[in-house]
Structures are given as C-alpha cells and as structure tokens.
Amino acid sequence: MKLIIAMALSVAIPIMWATPVQAEDPAHVEQLLATNTCYACDLSNADLSQAHLIGADLRQADLTNANLSEANLEGADLEGANLQGAVLSNALLTNASFRNADLSGVNLTEAKLYFVDVAGAILDNLDITRAEIVGTPISVGGSY
C-alpha cells in the first residue's frame, strides 16, 4: 500500500509543478480587441503591448500582471480594475480613469499620465521612473 501511494505521489507532484500559470481568457482578449469593451473581463497575464485601446471600457477587469507596454489607453475607463503587477511602460494614459483601481506594483516607466483620474486608487510601489505626469496626483509611493 505504501508503495502504491509513493508511486502515485511521484507522478502527481511533478504534474502539479508543471501546471501553467492562470492566463487570460482568450475570448475576453478577442472581445476587447474587436469591440473595445470588456467589462469585468479576465485579462490577467495578457499581452496587450502596443494595443490601441482608446476609450476602452475595462471597468472591473482583471489585468493582473498584464503587459500593456506602449499601449494607447487615452480616455480608457479602468474604474475598479485590478492592475497589480501590470506593465504600462511607455503607455499613453491621457484622461484615463483608474478610480478605485488597484495599481499596486504597476510599472509606469516612461508612461505619459496626463490628467489621469486616480481617486480612490491603490498606488503602492508604483515605478514612475521618467514618467511624464501632468495634472495627476501621483507623487508618493513611486520611484523616480
């Protein structure tokens, strides 16, 4: 009996370690790119680099660890979105809304944040190295 259990564990443990990280829902990525609307979508770990998401509805979306580098998010609505660990380096964020969003650990290196609404947002550990910030109350918690 012990031999059977040991054999089962020797097969099960490597399989558990090989399980891939939870990724975005491909249908949600397709919906966003086709309609520019993806309310409460699962876009975690999605590669949306260089995406044109002008005016996109991303309210309540899960963008945890998503790659939005060089994306154009002008006027996008990300109210209540979870962007923990997301990369928005070199992103254009003019008039975007991050009201009540979680921006913990977001990389905003060289991003352009012009008149961005961050009321009620969590801004812990932002990387705002060389970011252009105009009319947006982001200054504490970020690195320069």
C-alpha atoms as a PDB file:
ATOM      1  CA  MET A   1       0.000   0.000   0.000  1.00  0.00           C
ATOM      2  CA  LYS A   2       2.834   2.415   0.888  1.00  0.00           C
ATOM      3  CA  LEU A   3       4.499   1.600  -2.422  1.00  0.00           C
ATOM      4  CA  ILE A   4       1.336   2.485  -4.352  1.00  0.00           C
ATOM      5  CA  ILE A   5       0.998   5.813  -2.524  1.00  0.00           C
ATOM      6  CA  ALA A   6       4.667   6.625  -3.092  1.00  0.00           C
ATOM      7  CA  MET A   7       4.325   5.837  -6.807  1.00  0.00           C
ATOM      8  CA  ALA A   8       1.204   7.975  -7.094  1.00  0.00           C
ATOM      9  CA  LEU A   9       2.932  10.905  -5.408  1.00  0.00           C
ATOM     10  CA  SER A  10       5.990  10.559  -7.635  1.00  0.00           C
ATOM     11  CA  VAL A  11       3.724  11.080 -10.649  1.00  0.00           C
ATOM     12  CA  ALA A  12       1.376  13.691  -9.142  1.00  0.00           C
ATOM     13  CA  ILE A  13       3.954  16.086  -7.676  1.00  0.00           C
ATOM     14  CA  PRO A  14       5.804  16.822 -10.959  1.00  0.00           C
ATOM     15  CA  ILE A  15       2.457  17.344 -12.716  1.00  0.00           C
ATOM     16  CA  MET A  16       1.420  19.886 -10.058  1.00  0.00           C
ATOM     17  CA  TRP A  17       4.645  21.850 -10.589  1.00  0.00           C
ATOM     18  CA  ALA A  18       4.220  21.796 -14.375  1.00  0.00           C
ATOM     19  CA  THR A  19       0.741  23.334 -14.279  1.00  0.00           C
ATOM     20  CA  PRO A  20       0.847  26.639 -16.176  1.00  0.00           C
ATOM     21  CA  VAL A  21       0.050  29.959 -14.528  1.00  0.00           C
ATOM     22  CA  GLN A  22      -3.547  31.124 -14.880  1.00  0.00           C
ATOM     23  CA  ALA A  23      -3.695  33.157 -18.070  1.00  0.00           C
ATOM     24  CA  GLU A  24      -6.178  35.464 -19.684  1.00  0.00           C
ATOM     25  CA  ASP A  25      -9.413  34.235 -21.174  1.00  0.00           C
ATOM     26  CA  PRO A  26      -8.682  34.272 -24.949  1.00  0.00           C
ATOM     27  CA  ALA A  27     -12.335  35.080 -25.690  1.00  0.00           C
ATOM     28  CA  HIS A  28     -12.056  38.164 -23.469  1.00  0.00           C
ATOM     29  CA  VAL A  29      -8.919  39.344 -25.279  1.00  0.00           C
ATOM     30  CA  GLU A  30     -10.666  38.861 -28.620  1.00  0.00           C
ATOM     31  CA  GLN A  31     -13.753  40.719 -27.335  1.00  0.00           C
ATOM     32  CA  LEU A  32     -11.632  43.650 -26.130  1.00  0.00           C
ATOM     33  CA  LEU A  33      -9.702  43.973 -29.373  1.00  0.00           C
ATOM     34  CA  ALA A  34     -12.865  43.665 -31.506  1.00  0.00           C
ATOM     35  CA  THR A  35     -15.254  45.887 -29.518  1.00  0.00           C
ATOM     36  CA  ASN A  36     -13.043  47.966 -27.201  1.00  0.00           C
ATOM     37  CA  THR A  37     -15.342  46.856 -24.375  1.00  0.00           C
ATOM     38  CA  CYS A  38     -14.550  44.214 -21.809  1.00  0.00           C
ATOM     39  CA  TYR A  39     -16.355  44.907 -18.532  1.00  0.00           C
ATOM     40  CA  ALA A  40     -15.129  42.626 -15.693  1.00  0.00           C
ATOM     41  CA  CYS A  41     -13.048  40.545 -18.110  1.00  0.00           C
ATOM     42  CA  ASP A  42     -10.203  38.216 -17.187  1.00  0.00           C
ATOM     43  CA  LEU A  43      -7.177  39.708 -18.913  1.00  0.00           C
ATOM     44  CA  SER A  44      -4.668  38.583 -16.303  1.00  0.00           C
ATOM     45  CA  ASN A  45      -1.235  37.914 -17.821  1.00  0.00           C
ATOM     46  CA  ALA A  46      -2.494  39.084 -21.233  1.00  0.00           C
ATOM     47  CA  ASP A  47      -0.052  40.525 -23.742  1.00  0.00           C
ATOM     48  CA  LEU A  48      -1.710  43.737 -24.874  1.00  0.00           C
ATOM     49  CA  SER A  49       1.509  45.542 -25.675  1.00  0.00           C
ATOM     50  CA  GLN A  50       1.118  48.238 -28.323  1.00  0.00           C
ATOM     51  CA  ALA A  51      -2.669  47.752 -28.321  1.00  0.00           C
ATOM     52  CA  HIS A  52      -4.844  50.685 -29.379  1.00  0.00           C
ATOM     53  CA  LEU A  53      -7.402  50.825 -26.570  1.00  0.00           C
ATOM     54  CA  ILE A  54      -8.539  54.422 -26.918  1.00  0.00           C
ATOM     55  CA  GLY A  55     -11.701  54.898 -24.841  1.00  0.00           C
ATOM     56  CA  ALA A  56     -11.814  51.203 -23.892  1.00  0.00           C
ATOM     57  CA  ASP A  57     -14.277  50.059 -21.229  1.00  0.00           C
ATOM     58  CA  LEU A  58     -12.149  47.981 -18.861  1.00  0.00           C
ATOM     59  CA  ARG A  59     -14.113  48.646 -15.685  1.00  0.00           C
ATOM     60  CA  GLN A  60     -13.665  45.918 -13.070  1.00  0.00           C
ATOM     61  CA  ALA A  61     -11.316  43.995 -15.416  1.00  0.00           C
ATOM     62  CA  ASP A  62      -8.605  41.719 -14.029  1.00  0.00           C
ATOM     63  CA  LEU A  63      -5.381  42.934 -15.631  1.00  0.00           C
ATOM     64  CA  THR A  64      -3.089  41.391 -13.028  1.00  0.00           C
ATOM     65  CA  ASN A  65       0.430  41.081 -14.490  1.00  0.00           C
ATOM     66  CA  ALA A  66      -0.830  42.117 -17.935  1.00  0.00           C
ATOM     67  CA  ASN A  67       1.615  43.609 -20.425  1.00  0.00           C
ATOM     68  CA  LEU A  68       0.265  46.948 -21.637  1.00  0.00           C
ATOM     69  CA  SER A  69       3.624  48.432 -22.565  1.00  0.00           C
ATOM     70  CA  GLU A  70       3.365  51.033 -25.321  1.00  0.00           C
ATOM     71  CA  ALA A  71      -0.440  50.679 -25.310  1.00  0.00           C
ATOM     72  CA  ASN A  72      -2.630  53.664 -26.102  1.00  0.00           C
ATOM     73  CA  LEU A  73      -5.206  53.930 -23.315  1.00  0.00           C
ATOM     74  CA  GLU A  74      -6.309  57.523 -23.942  1.00  0.00           C
ATOM     75  CA  GLY A  75      -9.691  58.059 -22.308  1.00  0.00           C
ATOM     76  CA  ALA A  76      -9.914  54.417 -21.203  1.00  0.00           C
ATOM     77  CA  ASP A  77     -12.148  53.590 -18.232  1.00  0.00           C
ATOM     78  CA  LEU A  78     -10.358  51.248 -15.825  1.00  0.00           C
ATOM     79  CA  GLU A  79     -12.506  52.065 -12.803  1.00  0.00           C
ATOM     80  CA  GLY A  80     -12.208  49.327 -10.186  1.00  0.00           C
ATOM     81  CA  ALA A  81      -9.798  47.306 -12.334  1.00  0.00           C
ATOM     82  CA  ASN A  82      -7.089  45.142 -10.799  1.00  0.00           C
ATOM     83  CA  LEU A  83      -3.741  46.006 -12.395  1.00  0.00           C
ATOM     84  CA  GLN A  84      -1.445  44.546  -9.732  1.00  0.00           C
ATOM     85  CA  GLY A  85       1.983  43.956 -11.247  1.00  0.00           C
ATOM     86  CA  ALA A  86       0.941  45.154 -14.719  1.00  0.00           C
ATOM     87  CA  VAL A  87       3.463  46.727 -17.078  1.00  0.00           C
ATOM     88  CA  LEU A  88       2.392  50.045 -18.587  1.00  0.00           C
ATOM     89  CA  SER A  89       5.834  51.291 -19.542  1.00  0.00           C
ATOM     90  CA  ASN A  90       5.732  53.837 -22.371  1.00  0.00           C
ATOM     91  CA  ALA A  91       1.910  53.704 -22.320  1.00  0.00           C
ATOM     92  CA  LEU A  92      -0.168  56.740 -23.234  1.00  0.00           C
ATOM     93  CA  LEU A  93      -2.755  57.318 -20.491  1.00  0.00           C
ATOM     94  CA  THR A  94      -4.214  60.768 -21.271  1.00  0.00           C
ATOM     95  CA  ASN A  95      -7.584  61.255 -19.500  1.00  0.00           C
ATOM     96  CA  ALA A  96      -7.744  57.600 -18.424  1.00  0.00           C
ATOM     97  CA  SER A  97      -9.756  56.744 -15.314  1.00  0.00           C
ATOM     98  CA  PHE A  98      -8.232  54.499 -12.658  1.00  0.00           C
ATOM     99  CA  ARG A  99     -10.823  55.386  -9.994  1.00  0.00           C
ATOM    100  CA  ASN A 100     -10.782  52.788  -7.208  1.00  0.00           C
ATOM    101  CA  ALA A 101      -8.385  50.606  -9.211  1.00  0.00           C
ATOM    102  CA  ASP A 102      -5.558  48.575  -7.677  1.00  0.00           C
ATOM    103  CA  LEU A 103      -2.292  49.781  -9.194  1.00  0.00           C
ATOM    104  CA  SER A 104      -0.027  48.018  -6.684  1.00  0.00           C
ATOM    105  CA  GLY A 105       3.384  47.314  -8.171  1.00  0.00           C
ATOM    106  CA  VAL A 106       2.496  48.729 -11.603  1.00  0.00           C
ATOM    107  CA  ASN A 107       5.412  49.644 -13.863  1.00  0.00           C
ATOM    108  CA  LEU A 108       4.741  53.085 -15.361  1.00  0.00           C
ATOM    109  CA  THR A 109       8.299  53.688 -16.551  1.00  0.00           C
ATOM    110  CA  GLU A 110       8.302  56.450 -19.184  1.00  0.00           C
ATOM    111  CA  ALA A 111       4.483  56.387 -19.340  1.00  0.00           C
ATOM    112  CA  LYS A 112       2.574  59.548 -20.148  1.00  0.00           C
ATOM    113  CA  LEU A 113      -0.014  60.273 -17.478  1.00  0.00           C
ATOM    114  CA  TYR A 114      -1.860  63.432 -18.471  1.00  0.00           C
ATOM    115  CA  PHE A 115      -4.886  64.310 -16.339  1.00  0.00           C
ATOM    116  CA  VAL A 116      -5.403  60.727 -15.169  1.00  0.00           C
ATOM    117  CA  ASP A 117      -8.103  60.145 -12.513  1.00  0.00           C
ATOM    118  CA  VAL A 118      -6.691  58.070  -9.656  1.00  0.00           C
ATOM    119  CA  ALA A 119      -9.257  58.955  -6.978  1.00  0.00           C
ATOM    120  CA  GLY A 120      -9.524  56.094  -4.505  1.00  0.00           C
ATOM    121  CA  ALA A 121      -6.902  54.027  -6.332  1.00  0.00           C
ATOM    122  CA  ILE A 122      -4.269  51.947  -4.533  1.00  0.00           C
ATOM    123  CA  LEU A 123      -0.912  53.365  -5.620  1.00  0.00           C
ATOM    124  CA  ASP A 124       1.544  51.223  -3.619  1.00  0.00           C
ATOM    125  CA  ASN A 125       5.008  50.555  -5.048  1.00  0.00           C
ATOM    126  CA  LEU A 126       4.498  52.265  -8.390  1.00  0.00           C
ATOM    127  CA  ASP A 127       7.512  52.582 -10.642  1.00  0.00           C
ATOM    128  CA  ILE A 128       7.147  56.012 -12.247  1.00  0.00           C
ATOM    129  CA  THR A 129      10.738  56.296 -13.409  1.00  0.00           C
ATOM    130  CA  ARG A 130      10.939  59.016 -16.093  1.00  0.00           C
ATOM    131  CA  ALA A 131       7.124  59.087 -16.384  1.00  0.00           C
ATOM    132  CA  GLU A 132       5.575  62.319 -17.614  1.00  0.00           C
ATOM    133  CA  ILE A 133       2.929  63.273 -15.078  1.00  0.00           C
ATOM    134  CA  VAL A 134       0.722  66.310 -15.727  1.00  0.00           C
ATOM    135  CA  GLY A 135      -2.407  67.163 -13.727  1.00  0.00           C
ATOM    136  CA  THR A 136      -2.359  63.783 -11.968  1.00  0.00           C
ATOM    137  CA  PRO A 137      -1.837  63.497  -8.202  1.00  0.00           C
ATOM    138  CA  ILE A 138       0.806  60.749  -8.326  1.00  0.00           C
ATOM    139  CA  SER A 139       3.990  61.503  -6.485  1.00  0.00           C
ATOM    140  CA  VAL A 140       4.267  59.374  -3.372  1.00  0.00           C
ATOM    141  CA  GLY A 141       4.950  55.660  -3.372  1.00  0.00           C
ATOM    142  CA  GLY A 142       6.632  55.699  -6.742  1.00  0.00           C
ATOM    143  CA  SER A 143      10.293  55.555  -7.643  1.00  0.00           C
ATOM    144  CA  TYR A 144      11.870  58.207  -9.811  1.00  0.00           C
END
